[in-house]
Amino acid sequence: MENVKIRHTFSTIEKSLPLFIESIGFNPQEEDFARPEGYPYYHWLQTLEGTGSFSFSGEEYILTPGKGIFLTPFTPHSYRTTGTKWSTLYVTFGGSSVDSILNSLELNFSALYTESDDVPFSSLLLDMLKKVEKDSEFTKLELSRDLYSFIIMLKQYGKLKMQRSLSDSFDKIKPVVEWLEEHYSENIGLAEMADIMKMSSQYLTTIFRGTFGISPYSFLIQLRIREAKKKLLADHSIPLKEIAEQVGFNDVSHFVATFRKIEGITPKKYRNLFNKKLQ
């Protein structure tokens, strides 16, 4: 692998696919990063060379070669290099069947993994990167197939340090999470979410903070921004006002301000940056 940063982001994600890759990449020198509200997709990051530190759920893990972290969506986390070099591989993903697949394999919780010496996870991710680099027509269906293989490898050969408490708390709020995935664009408040779960607003907030580290409303806002990013890149002709309305923002200025706060740039700049990558 050359000492060059590689990142592929797939803009037109097919939500109907059982599994899809949102991004995949290699970083020869990982940067320090903090996501206090987590990432809206499942996230795998592992060390190829060097050493890094990864923190989530109040614990710090040292990632040496062969070790990786698997995170569920919206899990607050941070990571940093601890030496002169820290090269990593990563993939973020979702899909219409991703929860059911991970649930059936008992993998739907954040945890630290160590790859097997006989079957390194990195080999499959590196092969996927090479395919995408070599063939611009490499289809999303092929990526979906390879992603499934990666998940199976994680189940079969990954040496796991358990974080079952997160899995248990997620199970309690899974119904409202699934409901929000379908109704994020509607006029929703904490009362509506609590009503779906038939519990008090205070208790729902406690469970959400214990699971994701953020409030139910912050979770909803993250969902809306995630969907807005897809729409911004899928059709460059759609006005920001229309996208704002489609994902649940009544005011375009509020949408722009919220997007900038979460992503660090405006929706317009986000769209333009992607356009430049295609030129």
Protein backbone atom coordinates (compact mmCIF):
# COMPACT_ATOMS: atom_id res chain seq x y z
CA MET A 1 0.00 0.00 0.00
CA GLU A 2 1.45 3.36 -1.05
CA ASN A 3 1.83 6.07 1.56
CA VAL A 4 -1.11 8.02 0.10
CA LYS A 5 -4.42 8.77 1.79
CA ILE A 6 -7.36 7.07 0.05
CA ARG A 7 -11.04 7.77 0.67
CA HIS A 8 -14.06 6.73 -1.37
CA THR A 9 -17.49 8.07 -0.46
CA PHE A 10 -20.52 6.73 -2.26
CA SER A 11 -23.00 9.51 -2.86
CA THR A 12 -25.99 7.71 -4.37
CA ILE A 13 -26.62 5.10 -1.72
CA GLU A 14 -29.28 2.52 -2.55
CA LYS A 15 -31.29 2.26 0.66
CA SER A 16 -33.01 -0.84 -0.72
CA LEU A 17 -29.76 -2.81 -0.59
CA PRO A 18 -29.52 -5.10 2.45
CA LEU A 19 -25.99 -3.74 3.00
CA PHE A 20 -24.28 -0.70 1.50
CA ILE A 21 -20.91 0.97 2.02
CA GLU A 22 -21.07 4.69 2.76
CA SER A 23 -17.29 5.18 2.77
CA ILE A 24 -14.09 3.14 2.72
CA GLY A 25 -10.50 4.26 2.95
CA PHE A 26 -6.89 4.03 4.02
CA ASN A 27 -5.05 6.69 6.01
CA PRO A 28 -1.23 6.43 6.17
CA GLN A 29 -1.15 8.89 9.08
CA GLU A 30 -4.38 8.97 11.06
CA GLU A 31 -5.43 12.33 12.49
CA ASP A 32 -6.74 13.07 15.96
CA PHE A 33 -10.52 13.14 15.87
CA ALA A 34 -13.47 13.61 18.24
CA ARG A 35 -17.13 12.87 17.52
CA PRO A 36 -19.12 13.74 20.66
CA GLU A 37 -22.37 12.80 18.90
CA GLY A 38 -21.00 9.77 17.08
CA TYR A 39 -21.28 8.83 13.41
CA PRO A 40 -24.64 8.09 11.73
CA TYR A 41 -23.50 4.76 10.23
CA TYR A 42 -21.84 1.60 11.49
CA HIS A 43 -18.11 2.24 11.63
CA TRP A 44 -15.06 -0.05 11.57
CA LEU A 45 -11.52 1.31 12.06
CA GLN A 46 -8.40 -0.80 12.49
CA THR A 47 -4.64 -0.31 12.74
CA LEU A 48 -2.33 -1.43 9.96
CA GLU A 49 0.88 0.07 11.34
CA GLY A 50 1.86 2.00 14.43
CA THR A 51 -0.33 2.66 17.44
CA GLY A 52 -3.39 4.73 18.20
CA SER A 53 -5.73 5.32 21.11
CA PHE A 54 -9.51 4.96 20.69
CA SER A 55 -12.00 6.01 23.38
CA PHE A 56 -15.72 5.29 23.72
CA SER A 57 -18.17 4.50 26.53
CA GLY A 58 -15.74 5.87 29.12
CA GLU A 59 -12.92 3.46 28.21
CA GLU A 60 -9.69 3.87 26.27
CA TYR A 61 -8.33 1.16 23.97
CA ILE A 62 -4.86 0.98 22.47
CA LEU A 63 -5.03 -0.08 18.82
CA THR A 64 -1.91 -1.90 17.76
CA PRO A 65 -1.63 -3.68 14.36
CA GLY A 66 -4.47 -6.15 13.91
CA LYS A 67 -6.79 -4.51 16.43
CA GLY A 68 -9.95 -2.70 15.39
CA ILE A 69 -13.00 -0.98 16.83
CA PHE A 70 -16.54 -1.69 15.65
CA LEU A 71 -19.04 1.07 16.51
CA THR A 72 -22.80 1.18 16.22
CA PRO A 73 -24.34 4.42 14.86
CA PHE A 74 -24.25 7.54 17.05
CA THR A 75 -21.77 6.12 19.57
CA PRO A 76 -19.71 9.08 20.89
CA HIS A 77 -16.00 8.46 20.43
CA SER A 78 -12.58 9.98 19.88
CA TYR A 79 -9.22 8.72 18.69
CA ARG A 80 -5.63 9.94 18.45
CA THR A 81 -2.20 8.76 17.45
CA THR A 82 0.10 7.73 20.28
CA GLY A 83 3.37 7.53 18.35
CA THR A 84 5.15 8.79 15.29
CA LYS A 85 3.02 6.70 12.93
CA TRP A 86 -0.52 5.37 12.91
CA SER A 87 -1.89 4.03 9.62
CA THR A 88 -5.49 2.78 9.51
CA LEU A 89 -8.16 1.16 7.39
CA TYR A 90 -11.82 2.00 7.83
CA VAL A 91 -15.27 1.35 6.42
CA THR A 92 -18.66 2.88 7.28
CA PHE A 93 -21.88 1.17 6.25
CA GLY A 94 -25.63 0.75 6.62
CA GLY A 95 -28.47 -0.97 4.78
CA SER A 96 -32.10 -2.02 4.91
CA SER A 97 -31.16 -5.34 6.57
CA VAL A 98 -28.04 -4.33 8.46
CA ASP A 99 -29.69 -4.41 11.90
CA SER A 100 -31.28 -7.82 11.36
CA ILE A 101 -28.01 -9.26 9.99
CA LEU A 102 -25.95 -7.96 12.90
CA ASN A 103 -28.61 -8.99 15.42
CA SER A 104 -28.73 -12.55 14.05
CA LEU A 105 -24.93 -12.76 14.31
CA GLU A 106 -24.97 -11.15 17.77
CA LEU A 107 -22.68 -8.37 16.58
CA ASN A 108 -24.94 -5.33 17.02
CA PHE A 109 -22.93 -3.58 19.73
CA SER A 110 -19.74 -1.52 19.91
CA ALA A 111 -16.62 -3.49 20.78
CA LEU A 112 -12.87 -4.00 20.37
CA TYR A 113 -11.75 -6.84 18.08
CA THR A 114 -8.43 -8.49 17.30
CA GLU A 115 -8.07 -10.13 13.88
CA SER A 116 -6.95 -13.72 13.52
CA ASP A 117 -3.41 -14.37 12.29
CA ASP A 118 -4.80 -16.87 9.77
CA VAL A 119 -7.61 -14.65 8.41
CA PRO A 120 -6.76 -10.92 8.67
CA PHE A 121 -9.73 -8.57 8.19
CA SER A 122 -7.40 -6.07 6.56
CA SER A 123 -6.86 -8.33 3.54
CA LEU A 124 -10.52 -8.12 2.49
CA LEU A 125 -10.71 -4.35 3.02
CA LEU A 126 -7.51 -3.81 1.05
CA ASP A 127 -8.86 -5.97 -1.79
CA MET A 128 -12.05 -3.90 -1.84
CA LEU A 129 -10.03 -0.68 -2.04
CA LYS A 130 -7.94 -2.04 -4.91
CA LYS A 131 -11.06 -3.02 -6.83
CA VAL A 132 -12.61 0.41 -6.44
CA GLU A 133 -9.36 2.14 -7.41
CA LYS A 134 -8.89 -0.06 -10.49
CA ASP A 135 -12.46 -0.14 -11.77
CA SER A 136 -14.64 2.95 -11.55
CA GLU A 137 -17.60 0.77 -12.58
CA PHE A 138 -17.17 -1.48 -9.55
CA THR A 139 -20.81 -1.86 -8.56
CA LYS A 140 -22.49 -1.19 -5.25
CA LEU A 141 -23.86 -4.73 -5.40
CA GLU A 142 -20.33 -6.16 -5.44
CA LEU A 143 -19.38 -3.91 -2.54
CA SER A 144 -22.45 -5.14 -0.68
CA ARG A 145 -21.36 -8.73 -1.22
CA ASP A 146 -17.82 -8.04 0.02
CA LEU A 147 -19.14 -6.14 3.02
CA TYR A 148 -21.24 -9.17 3.98
CA SER A 149 -18.11 -11.33 3.73
CA PHE A 150 -16.30 -8.91 6.04
CA ILE A 151 -19.09 -9.10 8.64
CA ILE A 152 -19.03 -12.91 8.51
CA MET A 153 -15.24 -12.86 8.96
CA LEU A 154 -15.69 -10.60 11.97
CA LYS A 155 -18.08 -13.15 13.49
CA GLN A 156 -16.02 -16.23 12.66
CA TYR A 157 -12.49 -15.08 13.33
CA GLY A 158 -12.63 -11.93 15.41
CA LYS A 159 -11.37 -12.14 18.98
CA LEU A 160 -13.85 -10.01 20.86
CA LYS A 161 -13.66 -7.91 24.00
CA MET A 162 -17.32 -7.76 24.99
CA GLN A 163 -19.37 -4.60 25.58
CA ARG A 164 -22.70 -6.29 26.24
CA SER A 165 -24.12 -3.49 28.40
CA LEU A 166 -24.38 -1.33 25.27
CA SER A 167 -26.15 -4.12 23.42
CA ASP A 168 -28.68 -4.56 26.23
CA SER A 169 -29.50 -0.86 26.43
CA PHE A 170 -29.86 -0.61 22.64
CA ASP A 171 -32.43 -3.42 22.67
CA LYS A 172 -34.62 -1.31 24.97
CA ILE A 173 -34.90 1.59 22.54
CA LYS A 174 -34.62 -0.28 19.25
CA PRO A 175 -38.35 0.19 18.42
CA VAL A 176 -38.16 3.99 18.60
CA VAL A 177 -34.86 4.05 16.68
CA GLU A 178 -36.47 2.07 13.86
CA TRP A 179 -39.54 4.33 14.00
CA LEU A 180 -37.37 7.45 13.73
CA GLU A 181 -35.61 5.99 10.69
CA GLU A 182 -38.99 5.99 8.94
CA HIS A 183 -40.52 9.21 10.33
CA TYR A 184 -37.52 11.55 10.77
CA SER A 185 -39.00 14.09 8.31
CA GLU A 186 -42.18 14.59 10.33
CA ASN A 187 -42.84 17.13 13.08
CA ILE A 188 -41.52 15.00 15.95
CA GLY A 189 -40.74 15.92 19.52
CA LEU A 190 -39.66 14.11 22.66
CA ALA A 191 -43.30 13.54 23.67
CA GLU A 192 -44.03 11.62 20.44
CA MET A 193 -40.94 9.45 20.89
CA ALA A 194 -41.85 8.67 24.50
CA ASP A 195 -45.39 7.81 23.45
CA ILE A 196 -44.09 5.26 20.93
CA MET A 197 -42.12 3.59 23.72
CA LYS A 198 -44.93 4.01 26.29
CA MET A 199 -42.51 5.44 28.82
CA SER A 200 -41.80 8.83 30.34
CA SER A 201 -39.75 11.40 28.46
CA GLN A 202 -37.24 11.45 31.30
CA TYR A 203 -36.69 7.68 31.21
CA LEU A 204 -36.38 7.65 27.41
CA THR A 205 -33.76 10.40 27.61
CA THR A 206 -31.85 8.44 30.26
CA ILE A 207 -31.75 5.32 28.10
CA PHE A 208 -30.71 7.27 24.98
CA ARG A 209 -27.89 8.99 26.82
CA GLY A 210 -26.75 5.68 28.29
CA THR A 211 -26.74 4.03 24.85
CA PHE A 212 -25.60 6.77 22.46
CA GLY A 213 -24.34 9.50 24.79
CA ILE A 214 -26.81 12.01 23.29
CA SER A 215 -30.45 12.97 23.80
CA PRO A 216 -33.31 11.54 21.67
CA TYR A 217 -33.70 14.91 19.94
CA SER A 218 -29.98 15.09 19.09
CA PHE A 219 -30.29 11.59 17.67
CA LEU A 220 -33.19 12.77 15.47
CA ILE A 221 -31.18 15.77 14.24
CA GLN A 222 -28.27 13.48 13.32
CA LEU A 223 -30.65 11.32 11.30
CA ARG A 224 -31.96 14.35 9.45
CA ILE A 225 -28.46 15.59 8.60
CA ARG A 226 -27.46 12.10 7.45
CA GLU A 227 -30.40 11.99 5.05
CA ALA A 228 -29.71 15.56 3.91
CA LYS A 229 -26.15 14.60 2.94
CA LYS A 230 -27.48 11.81 0.74
CA LYS A 231 -29.93 14.15 -0.98
CA LEU A 232 -27.32 16.88 -1.48
CA LEU A 233 -25.10 14.52 -3.43
CA ALA A 234 -27.75 12.43 -5.17
CA ASP A 235 -29.24 15.36 -7.11
CA HIS A 236 -27.27 18.61 -7.33
CA SER A 237 -30.25 20.49 -8.78
CA ILE A 238 -32.46 20.23 -5.69
CA PRO A 239 -32.56 23.61 -3.85
CA LEU A 240 -31.43 23.69 -0.23
CA LYS A 241 -34.88 24.85 0.83
CA GLU A 242 -36.48 21.75 -0.65
CA ILE A 243 -33.93 19.43 0.93
CA ALA A 244 -34.47 21.11 4.29
CA GLU A 245 -38.20 20.47 4.05
CA GLN A 246 -37.72 16.87 2.92
CA VAL A 247 -35.66 15.98 5.97
CA GLY A 248 -37.79 17.76 8.56
CA PHE A 249 -36.48 21.34 8.84
CA ASN A 250 -39.16 24.01 8.56
CA ASP A 251 -36.64 26.80 7.99
CA VAL A 252 -33.72 26.67 5.58
CA SER A 253 -31.57 28.97 7.74
CA HIS A 254 -32.00 26.59 10.68
CA PHE A 255 -31.04 23.70 8.41
CA VAL A 256 -27.88 25.47 7.21
CA ALA A 257 -26.85 26.44 10.76
CA THR A 258 -27.43 22.91 12.07
CA PHE A 259 -25.59 21.32 9.15
CA ARG A 260 -22.60 23.65 9.70
CA LYS A 261 -22.53 22.85 13.42
CA ILE A 262 -22.46 19.09 12.84
CA GLU A 263 -20.38 18.84 9.65
CA GLY A 264 -18.16 21.91 10.05
CA ILE A 265 -19.17 23.32 6.65
CA THR A 266 -22.36 24.58 5.01
CA PRO A 267 -24.56 22.30 2.87
CA LYS A 268 -23.58 24.29 -0.23
CA LYS A 269 -19.87 23.87 0.44
CA TYR A 270 -20.38 20.17 1.19
CA ARG A 271 -22.05 19.72 -2.19
CA ASN A 272 -19.40 21.79 -4.01
CA LEU A 273 -16.53 19.86 -2.44
CA PHE A 274 -17.96 16.63 -3.80
CA ASN A 275 -18.46 18.20 -7.24
CA LYS A 276 -14.75 19.06 -7.34
CA LYS A 277 -13.82 15.45 -6.60
CA LEU A 278 -15.74 14.37 -9.67
CA GLN A 279 -14.04 16.87 -12.00
